[in-house]
């Protein structure tokens, strides 16, 4: 499927990509029967499903994620399989439309009989299916969204986040602003759902209320953000914080440029991939603008920068990309998909030969905080806490790339939770397969 950064309106294209046989290669470690009574599992395979915006307003960049996950599965499959099973991924296009997400997930669970949902993307979309998945006791693993709403392990025992909670990200960004832009007027442009509101909460936890001079939200699908950006400019803001998906980062910056509004830009990690945003800027400006409009923007990263080929995880992902996913750009979205796939493989390895839905949940509850991989900080998993990574490192767009600086920081989403340096070391990737912590 060709991607067009210029096509962003929702197009009803029925897509159900049944990814080819792919397995996570590791030396089988566990004993007992490989039989399972759970749907989607046999002695030789396990099938997951996912909903992704292959078209629609979130497609630019995000449509790369599921194919990248599949590429990593293919890489591992070439080395033998996970617990003797091949991993299959069925991808359905929901166009970032919550109503279509509901239909897609019901089809995956009730018709395709998947073992679980993996990496379902989007806050406004996935919130519409969490109740169904938990009532049906279907593993809902590593949602591709940092909504604080995934954290409730007690109320939603089958749902697990993966990336940092948006409130955690907002706190870390807010602390940086408080330390380095003291007294500056701060405005926030955010998506009007739990994504944007979670980030805004974190900013408010750290930035003094008197310094936040304006907030404006947008609804996904709206093409004109001039009223919001004009209002933010009128507030006299010197710093603009975006909790936006890539297309709205680009639309906001193009509008700001047109209005002569030039604040210090701060953007959530989900909305600032330079390759994606730069491509959108170029497309919508008809070639008159590009990454220069986001140069110097401040952000946070919880994975190594995808341009840092000296990092062994990035070097690994680049090799996988070149062999199995060469048609996509090698950017932060591809890195996200491969890193999340690695985590899934590690969980399945720990779950052992007898793979059940309840067993996978039990593994993450009991051993999730010990999971390792490309992340810069630990996970926060426990029986009651189902959030993902516990923080990240400050970053800046320089030369069209993300450069991380200052060292990783960790915190929790509570208003009083301390933000502290993380001094642990990132493990090297295993020579093949998935290591067990």
Protein backbone atom coordinates (compact mmCIF):
# COMPACT_ATOMS: atom_id res chain seq x y z
CA UNK A 1 0.00 0.00 0.00
CA UNK A 2 1.41 3.40 -0.96
CA UNK A 3 1.26 6.12 1.65
CA UNK A 4 0.43 9.68 0.68
CA UNK A 5 1.16 12.35 3.26
CA UNK A 6 -1.13 14.63 1.35
CA UNK A 7 -4.22 12.44 1.72
CA UNK A 8 -5.53 12.85 5.20
CA UNK A 9 -9.31 12.83 4.98
CA UNK A 10 -10.95 9.59 6.01
CA UNK A 11 -11.43 7.26 3.05
CA UNK A 12 -13.53 4.15 3.44
CA UNK A 13 -11.13 1.47 2.26
CA UNK A 14 -11.80 -1.96 3.76
CA UNK A 15 -8.43 -3.34 4.76
CA UNK A 16 -7.74 -6.58 6.55
CA UNK A 17 -4.10 -7.41 6.24
CA UNK A 18 -3.41 -10.91 7.41
CA UNK A 19 0.30 -10.73 7.95
CA UNK A 20 2.21 -13.79 6.87
CA UNK A 21 3.57 -16.44 9.15
CA UNK A 22 5.86 -14.72 11.57
CA UNK A 23 7.43 -16.02 14.69
CA UNK A 24 9.45 -14.74 17.55
CA UNK A 25 12.65 -16.71 17.71
CA UNK A 26 13.98 -17.77 21.03
CA UNK A 27 15.15 -20.93 22.64
CA UNK A 28 12.10 -22.57 24.15
CA UNK A 29 12.30 -22.32 27.89
CA UNK A 30 9.41 -23.77 29.79
CA UNK A 31 7.78 -27.08 30.07
CA UNK A 32 4.36 -28.61 29.90
CA UNK A 33 1.88 -29.16 27.15
CA UNK A 34 1.67 -26.72 24.28
CA UNK A 35 -2.08 -27.24 24.01
CA UNK A 36 -4.35 -24.29 24.83
CA UNK A 37 -8.10 -23.83 25.10
CA UNK A 38 -7.85 -20.10 24.30
CA UNK A 39 -9.07 -18.83 20.92
CA UNK A 40 -6.38 -17.96 18.41
CA UNK A 41 -3.85 -20.46 19.73
CA UNK A 42 -2.69 -23.84 18.47
CA UNK A 43 0.46 -25.82 19.11
CA UNK A 44 2.03 -24.11 16.10
CA UNK A 45 0.59 -20.59 15.97
CA UNK A 46 -0.93 -17.66 17.83
CA UNK A 47 -2.97 -14.93 16.15
CA UNK A 48 -3.35 -11.35 17.34
CA UNK A 49 -5.46 -8.58 15.84
CA UNK A 50 -5.04 -4.83 15.73
CA UNK A 51 -6.91 -1.72 14.60
CA UNK A 52 -4.81 0.90 12.85
CA UNK A 53 -5.38 4.16 10.92
CA UNK A 54 -4.17 3.00 7.52
CA UNK A 55 -6.11 5.93 6.10
CA UNK A 56 -7.67 8.99 7.73
CA UNK A 57 -6.30 11.91 9.76
CA UNK A 58 -3.84 9.85 11.81
CA UNK A 59 -2.52 7.78 8.89
CA UNK A 60 0.59 9.88 8.12
CA UNK A 61 3.33 8.16 10.09
CA UNK A 62 1.06 5.98 12.18
CA UNK A 63 0.19 3.72 9.24
CA UNK A 64 3.81 2.54 9.40
CA UNK A 65 3.51 1.04 12.89
CA UNK A 66 1.76 -2.31 12.30
CA UNK A 67 3.89 -3.19 9.24
CA UNK A 68 7.00 -2.47 11.32
CA UNK A 69 5.77 -4.79 14.06
CA UNK A 70 5.17 -7.46 11.45
CA UNK A 71 8.65 -6.90 10.03
CA UNK A 72 10.14 -7.58 13.45
CA UNK A 73 8.04 -10.72 13.78
CA UNK A 74 9.30 -11.81 10.35
CA UNK A 75 12.89 -11.24 11.41
CA UNK A 76 12.44 -13.38 14.48
CA UNK A 77 10.47 -15.96 12.57
CA UNK A 78 13.45 -16.56 10.33
CA UNK A 79 15.30 -17.75 13.44
CA UNK A 80 12.92 -20.46 14.55
CA UNK A 81 9.78 -19.40 16.36
CA UNK A 82 8.59 -18.63 19.85
CA UNK A 83 7.76 -21.63 21.99
CA UNK A 84 7.27 -23.51 18.73
CA UNK A 85 4.52 -21.11 17.61
CA UNK A 86 4.32 -18.70 14.70
CA UNK A 87 2.81 -15.30 15.37
CA UNK A 88 0.15 -13.93 13.01
CA UNK A 89 -1.15 -10.35 13.01
CA UNK A 90 -4.48 -9.41 11.43
CA UNK A 91 -4.67 -5.67 10.76
CA UNK A 92 -7.95 -3.81 10.26
CA UNK A 93 -8.19 -0.22 9.10
CA UNK A 94 -10.38 1.91 11.37
CA UNK A 95 -9.42 5.25 9.77
CA UNK A 96 -9.03 6.75 13.30
CA UNK A 97 -12.83 6.63 13.46
CA UNK A 98 -14.16 5.28 16.80
CA UNK A 99 -17.29 3.78 15.23
CA UNK A 100 -15.15 1.82 12.79
CA UNK A 101 -12.86 0.76 15.63
CA UNK A 102 -15.80 -0.87 17.38
CA UNK A 103 -16.75 -2.78 14.24
CA UNK A 104 -13.17 -3.83 13.54
CA UNK A 105 -12.47 -5.09 17.05
CA UNK A 106 -15.75 -7.00 17.26
CA UNK A 107 -14.89 -8.69 13.96
CA UNK A 108 -11.39 -9.56 15.18
CA UNK A 109 -12.65 -11.10 18.41
CA UNK A 110 -15.92 -12.68 17.32
CA UNK A 111 -15.17 -13.68 13.71
CA UNK A 112 -11.40 -13.92 13.39
CA UNK A 113 -11.13 -15.44 16.89
CA UNK A 114 -7.86 -13.70 17.68
CA UNK A 115 -6.01 -14.54 20.88
CA UNK A 116 -5.77 -10.86 21.80
CA UNK A 117 -5.59 -7.30 20.53
CA UNK A 118 -2.07 -5.93 20.14
CA UNK A 119 -1.05 -2.31 19.69
CA UNK A 120 -4.53 -0.95 18.98
CA UNK A 121 -3.86 2.67 18.04
CA UNK A 122 -5.45 5.83 19.29
CA UNK A 123 -7.02 7.33 22.38
CA UNK A 124 -10.44 8.33 20.94
CA UNK A 125 -10.64 5.01 19.10
CA UNK A 126 -9.42 2.48 21.62
CA UNK A 127 -11.42 3.89 24.53
CA UNK A 128 -14.53 2.67 22.70
CA UNK A 129 -13.48 -1.00 22.84
CA UNK A 130 -11.77 -1.36 26.22
CA UNK A 131 -15.00 -2.30 27.98
CA UNK A 132 -15.83 -4.97 25.42
CA UNK A 133 -12.35 -6.48 25.54
CA UNK A 134 -12.27 -6.66 29.32
CA UNK A 135 -15.79 -8.05 29.60
CA UNK A 136 -14.81 -10.67 27.01
CA UNK A 137 -11.53 -11.35 28.87
CA UNK A 138 -9.46 -10.74 25.76
CA UNK A 139 -5.85 -9.60 26.33
CA UNK A 140 -5.59 -5.98 25.24
CA UNK A 141 -1.83 -5.60 25.02
CA UNK A 142 0.32 -2.52 24.66
CA UNK A 143 -2.18 0.02 23.41
CA UNK A 144 -0.54 2.49 21.02
CA UNK A 145 -1.57 5.49 23.09
CA UNK A 146 -0.38 6.97 26.37
CA UNK A 147 -3.85 7.69 27.71
CA UNK A 148 -3.92 7.62 31.52
CA UNK A 149 -7.10 5.57 31.14
CA UNK A 150 -5.13 2.37 30.42
CA UNK A 151 -3.48 2.41 33.85
CA UNK A 152 -6.41 0.98 35.82
CA UNK A 153 -5.36 -2.63 36.32
CA UNK A 154 -8.08 -3.23 38.88
CA UNK A 155 -10.97 -2.02 36.75
CA UNK A 156 -9.52 -3.09 33.37
CA UNK A 157 -7.42 -6.17 34.16
CA UNK A 158 -6.91 -7.22 30.52
CA UNK A 159 -5.73 -3.82 29.18
CA UNK A 160 -2.09 -2.71 29.28
CA UNK A 161 -0.52 0.50 28.02
CA UNK A 162 3.02 0.58 26.66
CA UNK A 163 4.32 4.08 25.99
CA UNK A 164 4.52 6.64 28.83
CA UNK A 165 1.28 7.91 30.28
CA UNK A 166 0.57 11.37 28.78
CA UNK A 167 0.36 12.90 32.23
CA UNK A 168 3.85 11.58 32.99
CA UNK A 169 5.07 13.10 29.73
CA UNK A 170 3.34 16.37 30.52
CA UNK A 171 4.97 16.48 33.96
CA UNK A 172 8.45 15.93 32.56
CA UNK A 173 7.96 18.54 29.84
CA UNK A 174 6.40 20.90 32.39
CA UNK A 175 9.31 20.50 34.79
CA UNK A 176 11.72 21.43 32.00
CA UNK A 177 9.68 24.54 31.20
CA UNK A 178 9.55 25.56 34.84
CA UNK A 179 13.31 25.20 35.15
CA UNK A 180 14.33 26.77 31.81
CA UNK A 181 11.50 29.16 30.91
CA UNK A 182 10.63 30.54 34.32
CA UNK A 183 8.06 33.32 34.13
CA UNK A 184 7.41 32.89 30.40
CA UNK A 185 3.82 32.85 29.19
CA UNK A 186 2.81 29.29 28.27
CA UNK A 187 -0.08 28.21 26.02
CA UNK A 188 -1.29 24.67 25.27
CA UNK A 189 -2.81 23.36 22.03
CA UNK A 190 -4.27 19.91 22.58
CA UNK A 191 -6.50 17.18 21.16
CA UNK A 192 -9.87 17.30 22.87
CA UNK A 193 -9.84 13.81 24.41
CA UNK A 194 -7.96 11.91 27.11
CA UNK A 195 -4.73 12.23 25.08
CA UNK A 196 -4.66 16.00 25.12
CA UNK A 197 -6.32 16.38 28.52
CA UNK A 198 -3.84 13.95 30.10
CA UNK A 199 -0.93 15.96 28.77
CA UNK A 200 -2.49 19.24 29.88
CA UNK A 201 -2.92 17.80 33.38
CA UNK A 202 0.80 17.00 33.55
CA UNK A 203 1.76 20.49 32.37
CA UNK A 204 -0.49 22.04 35.00
CA UNK A 205 1.08 19.85 37.68
CA UNK A 206 4.49 21.46 37.06
CA UNK A 207 3.99 24.89 35.48
CA UNK A 208 2.60 27.62 37.79
CA UNK A 209 -1.02 28.40 36.99
CA UNK A 210 -0.27 32.10 36.46
CA UNK A 211 2.18 31.21 33.67
CA UNK A 212 -0.42 29.26 31.64
CA UNK A 213 -2.14 32.07 29.77
CA UNK A 214 -4.27 30.10 27.28
CA UNK A 215 -5.43 26.64 26.24
CA UNK A 216 -7.15 25.68 23.00
CA UNK A 217 -8.34 22.26 21.81
CA UNK A 218 -9.19 20.72 18.45
CA UNK A 219 -11.40 17.84 17.36
CA UNK A 220 -9.80 15.17 15.14
CA UNK A 221 -11.07 15.62 11.59
CA UNK A 222 -11.19 19.42 11.72
CA UNK A 223 -9.00 20.98 9.02
CA UNK A 224 -9.06 24.61 10.09
CA UNK A 225 -7.17 25.41 13.32
CA UNK A 226 -6.76 29.12 12.59
CA UNK A 227 -9.27 30.17 15.30
CA UNK A 228 -7.36 28.24 17.97
CA UNK A 229 -3.91 29.42 16.87
CA UNK A 230 -5.11 33.02 16.56
CA UNK A 231 -6.44 32.88 20.11
CA UNK A 232 -3.18 31.43 21.40
CA UNK A 233 -1.22 34.17 19.63
CA UNK A 234 -3.49 36.84 21.12
CA UNK A 235 -2.69 35.52 24.62
CA UNK A 236 0.89 36.70 24.22
CA UNK A 237 2.24 33.17 24.71
CA UNK A 238 6.01 32.83 24.46
CA UNK A 239 5.94 29.03 24.72
CA UNK A 240 3.47 26.80 22.89
CA UNK A 241 2.96 23.20 24.06
CA UNK A 242 1.34 20.83 21.56
CA UNK A 243 -0.33 17.58 22.57
CA UNK A 244 -1.16 16.80 18.96
CA UNK A 245 -0.96 13.97 16.44
CA UNK A 246 1.45 14.73 13.55
CA UNK A 247 -1.04 16.25 11.15
CA UNK A 248 -2.14 18.81 13.77
CA UNK A 249 1.44 19.60 14.69
CA UNK A 250 1.95 20.46 11.01
CA UNK A 251 -1.32 22.36 10.60
CA UNK A 252 -0.62 24.31 13.78
CA UNK A 253 2.87 25.27 12.66
CA UNK A 254 1.79 26.30 9.18
CA UNK A 255 -0.97 28.44 10.69
CA UNK A 256 1.46 29.94 13.20
CA UNK A 257 3.86 30.78 10.38
CA UNK A 258 1.09 32.48 8.41
CA UNK A 259 0.09 34.53 11.46
CA UNK A 260 3.66 35.45 12.39
CA UNK A 261 3.36 33.59 15.69
CA UNK A 262 6.81 32.32 16.72
CA UNK A 263 6.80 30.92 20.27
CA UNK A 264 9.17 28.27 21.59
CA UNK A 265 7.55 25.03 20.44
CA UNK A 266 7.19 22.04 22.78
CA UNK A 267 5.54 18.88 21.39
CA UNK A 268 4.49 15.52 22.80
CA UNK A 269 6.58 12.61 21.54
CA UNK A 270 3.61 11.26 19.58
CA UNK A 271 3.39 14.35 17.38
CA UNK A 272 6.92 15.39 16.51
CA UNK A 273 8.55 12.64 14.45
CA UNK A 274 10.63 14.86 12.10
CA UNK A 275 10.24 12.63 9.04
CA UNK A 276 6.44 12.52 9.38
CA UNK A 277 5.86 16.16 10.35
CA UNK A 278 8.43 17.41 7.85
CA UNK A 279 6.69 15.49 5.08
CA UNK A 280 3.31 16.90 6.07
CA UNK A 281 4.67 20.45 6.19
CA UNK A 282 6.16 20.03 2.74
CA UNK A 283 2.96 18.56 1.32
CA UNK A 284 0.54 21.11 2.73
CA UNK A 285 2.77 24.08 1.92
CA UNK A 286 3.32 22.74 -1.63
CA UNK A 287 7.04 22.51 -1.00
CA UNK A 288 7.48 25.94 0.58
CA UNK A 289 8.12 24.65 4.12
CA UNK A 290 9.58 21.61 5.84
CA UNK A 291 11.33 20.62 9.04
CA UNK A 292 12.68 24.15 9.49
CA UNK A 293 9.31 25.04 11.02
CA UNK A 294 9.90 22.56 13.86
CA UNK A 295 13.63 23.17 14.22
CA UNK A 296 14.47 23.75 17.89
CA UNK A 297 11.24 22.20 19.13
CA UNK A 298 11.49 20.55 22.55
CA UNK A 299 10.09 17.08 23.18
CA UNK A 300 10.58 13.91 25.24
CA UNK A 301 11.76 10.48 24.09
CA UNK A 302 11.47 7.12 25.83
CA UNK A 303 13.25 5.15 23.08
CA UNK A 304 16.63 5.94 21.53
CA UNK A 305 16.54 8.44 18.68
CA UNK A 306 15.98 6.53 15.43
CA UNK A 307 18.90 8.36 13.83
CA UNK A 308 21.37 7.14 16.47
CA UNK A 309 22.81 4.15 14.64
CA UNK A 310 25.50 3.82 17.31
CA UNK A 311 22.78 2.50 19.62
CA UNK A 312 22.65 -1.31 19.23
CA UNK A 313 18.83 -1.38 19.30
CA UNK A 314 18.59 1.19 16.51
CA UNK A 315 21.22 -0.71 14.54
CA UNK A 316 19.16 -3.91 14.95
CA UNK A 317 15.89 -2.24 13.95
CA UNK A 318 17.58 -0.67 10.92
CA UNK A 319 18.78 -4.09 9.74
CA UNK A 320 15.28 -5.51 10.19
CA UNK A 321 13.80 -2.54 8.37
CA UNK A 322 16.16 -2.87 5.44
CA UNK A 323 15.36 -6.56 5.03
CA UNK A 324 11.63 -6.71 5.80
CA UNK A 325 10.16 -3.19 5.65
CA UNK A 326 12.34 -1.26 3.20
CA UNK A 327 9.38 0.47 1.58
CA UNK A 328 8.77 2.57 4.70
CA UNK A 329 10.96 5.41 5.94
CA UNK A 330 13.12 4.47 8.91
CA UNK A 331 11.67 6.83 11.50
CA UNK A 332 10.21 6.93 14.98
CA UNK A 333 7.00 5.20 13.92
CA UNK A 334 8.88 2.20 12.57
CA UNK A 335 11.00 2.14 15.72
CA UNK A 336 7.82 2.20 17.84
CA UNK A 337 6.32 -0.77 16.00
CA UNK A 338 9.46 -2.88 16.30
CA UNK A 339 10.07 -2.01 19.96
CA UNK A 340 6.49 -2.85 20.91
CA UNK A 341 6.76 -6.14 19.00
CA UNK A 342 9.88 -7.01 20.98
CA UNK A 343 7.97 -6.51 24.24
CA UNK A 344 5.15 -8.75 23.05
CA UNK A 345 7.65 -11.46 22.18
CA UNK A 346 9.24 -11.27 25.60
CA UNK A 347 5.84 -11.66 27.28
CA UNK A 348 4.92 -14.67 25.14
CA UNK A 349 8.25 -16.27 25.94
CA UNK A 350 7.67 -15.82 29.66
CA UNK A 351 4.13 -17.21 29.33
CA UNK A 352 5.59 -20.57 28.32
CA UNK A 353 4.32 -23.47 26.24
CA UNK A 354 0.81 -23.55 27.68
CA UNK A 355 -0.42 -20.24 26.36
CA UNK A 356 -3.69 -18.89 27.75
CA UNK A 357 -5.26 -15.47 27.91
CA UNK A 358 -5.23 -15.51 31.70
CA UNK A 359 -1.60 -16.66 31.71
CA UNK A 360 -0.43 -13.72 29.60
CA UNK A 361 -2.15 -11.24 31.93
CA UNK A 362 -0.60 -12.97 34.94
CA UNK A 363 2.89 -12.75 33.42
CA UNK A 364 2.64 -8.98 32.85
CA UNK A 365 1.15 -8.38 36.31
CA UNK A 366 3.89 -10.36 38.04
CA UNK A 367 6.93 -9.84 35.81
CA UNK A 368 6.08 -6.84 33.66
CA UNK A 369 8.20 -4.39 35.64
CA UNK A 370 11.21 -6.60 34.89
CA UNK A 371 10.74 -6.59 31.12
CA UNK A 372 13.77 -5.25 29.28
CA UNK A 373 14.40 -3.98 25.80
CA UNK A 374 15.04 -0.74 23.90
CA UNK A 375 13.28 1.56 26.39
CA UNK A 376 15.31 4.18 28.24
CA UNK A 377 13.35 3.68 31.48
CA UNK A 378 11.55 0.78 33.22
CA UNK A 379 7.92 -0.23 32.80
CA UNK A 380 5.40 0.45 35.60
CA UNK A 381 3.45 -2.82 35.42
CA UNK A 382 1.86 -4.46 38.46
CA UNK A 383 -1.52 -5.99 39.27
CA UNK A 384 -3.04 -2.57 39.90
CA UNK A 385 -0.88 -0.46 37.57
CA UNK A 386 -1.08 -1.16 33.84
CA UNK A 387 0.67 1.94 32.53
CA UNK A 388 3.69 1.63 30.27
CA UNK A 389 7.10 3.23 30.47
CA UNK A 390 7.75 5.35 33.55
CA UNK A 391 9.25 8.42 31.92
CA UNK A 392 11.76 9.47 29.29
CA UNK A 393 14.53 11.86 28.32
CA UNK A 394 14.30 15.43 27.09
CA UNK A 395 14.93 15.94 23.40
CA UNK A 396 15.27 18.70 20.83
CA UNK A 397 14.85 18.85 17.05
CA UNK A 398 18.24 19.78 15.62
CA UNK A 399 19.12 19.46 11.95
CA UNK A 400 15.80 17.71 11.32
CA UNK A 401 16.60 14.98 13.87
CA UNK A 402 15.71 14.30 17.49
CA UNK A 403 18.67 14.72 19.82
CA UNK A 404 18.15 13.48 23.39
CA UNK A 405 19.88 15.21 26.29
CA UNK A 406 20.04 15.35 30.06
CA UNK A 407 19.55 11.69 30.92
CA UNK A 408 16.36 9.67 31.52
CA UNK A 409 13.82 10.77 34.13
CA UNK A 410 11.11 8.74 35.84
CA UNK A 411 7.96 9.67 37.72
CA UNK A 412 4.34 8.64 38.21
CA UNK A 413 1.16 10.42 37.07
CA UNK A 414 0.18 11.72 40.52
CA UNK A 415 0.40 15.50 41.04
CA UNK A 416 2.94 15.08 43.84
CA UNK A 417 5.00 12.23 42.35
CA UNK A 418 8.68 13.18 42.30
CA UNK A 419 10.54 13.44 38.99
CA UNK A 420 13.91 11.75 39.51
CA UNK A 421 16.87 10.66 37.34
CA UNK A 422 16.97 7.02 36.25
CA UNK A 423 20.44 5.57 36.56
CA UNK A 424 19.86 2.07 35.20
CA UNK A 425 21.54 0.92 32.02
CA UNK A 426 19.91 -0.08 28.77
CA UNK A 427 20.62 -3.74 27.93
CA UNK A 428 22.03 -4.73 24.57
CA UNK A 429 19.72 -6.67 22.26
CA UNK A 430 20.22 -10.43 22.28
CA UNK A 431 22.17 -11.93 19.41
CA UNK A 432 18.95 -13.54 18.23
CA UNK A 433 15.42 -13.81 19.53
CA UNK A 434 14.04 -12.36 22.74
CA UNK A 435 15.87 -12.46 26.04
CA UNK A 436 14.16 -13.28 29.32
CA UNK A 437 14.70 -10.82 32.21
